[in-house]
Amino acid sequence: MSEEEKKLCDLCQLTVEISGFTLKTKTGEKNFCCEGCKGIYEMLNESDVLPQ
C-alpha cells in the first residue's frame, strides 16, 4: 500500500493497519486504528453516528 493509499484514524491520526474498525456517519464513513478509538469517537459524536 502506497503512502497516498494509507488511511489515518479519524480520532488519533495513526495509520489504520487493520480493517474493520469503521463507522457510518452523517458526514461519511470514518476509519479507526482500533476498537478503542472507534468507541471513543462514537461516544463523543453520538448524534452524528448512523444506526447500523
Protein backbone atom coordinates (compact mmCIF):
# COMPACT_ATOMS: atom_id res chain seq x y z
CA MET A 1 0.00 0.00 0.00
CA SER A 2 1.49 3.36 -1.01
CA GLU A 3 1.65 6.39 1.29
CA GLU A 4 -1.27 8.02 -0.58
CA GLU A 5 -3.46 4.91 -0.08
CA LYS A 6 -2.87 4.63 3.68
CA LYS A 7 -5.81 5.72 5.79
CA LEU A 8 -5.40 7.63 9.03
CA CYS A 9 -7.50 7.07 12.11
CA ASP A 10 -10.26 9.69 12.32
CA LEU A 11 -9.60 10.06 16.07
CA CYS A 12 -5.86 9.76 16.81
CA GLN A 13 -4.43 10.10 13.27
CA LEU A 14 -2.33 6.89 13.48
CA THR A 15 -2.14 4.75 10.34
CA VAL A 16 -5.02 2.27 10.03
CA GLU A 17 -3.22 -1.10 9.87
CA ILE A 18 -6.26 -3.38 10.34
CA SER A 19 -9.57 -3.02 8.52
CA GLY A 20 -12.95 -3.47 10.16
CA PHE A 21 -12.98 -0.55 12.59
CA THR A 22 -15.37 1.75 10.71
CA LEU A 23 -18.49 3.79 11.45
CA LYS A 24 -21.06 5.23 9.08
CA THR A 25 -21.82 8.85 9.97
CA LYS A 26 -23.89 11.67 8.52
CA THR A 27 -20.67 13.06 7.02
CA GLY A 28 -19.44 9.75 5.56
CA GLU A 29 -17.58 6.64 6.65
CA LYS A 30 -14.98 7.05 9.41
CA ASN A 31 -11.96 4.74 9.80
CA PHE A 32 -10.21 3.89 13.05
CA CYS A 33 -6.99 2.12 14.01
CA CYS A 34 -8.59 0.14 16.87
CA GLU A 35 -11.82 -0.60 18.73
CA GLY A 36 -10.88 1.92 21.43
CA CYS A 37 -10.69 4.87 19.03
CA LYS A 38 -13.91 3.77 17.35
CA GLY A 39 -15.71 3.62 20.72
CA ILE A 40 -14.44 6.98 21.91
CA TYR A 41 -15.42 8.66 18.62
CA GLU A 42 -18.86 7.05 18.87
CA MET A 43 -19.37 8.36 22.44
CA LEU A 44 -18.19 11.88 21.59
CA ASN A 45 -20.24 12.11 18.38
CA GLU A 46 -23.43 10.14 19.15
CA SER A 47 -25.66 12.48 17.15
CA ASP A 48 -23.52 12.08 14.00
CA VAL A 49 -23.34 8.24 14.00
CA LEU A 50 -25.90 6.44 11.87
CA PRO A 51 -27.58 3.25 13.18
CA GLN A 52 -26.01 0.09 11.79
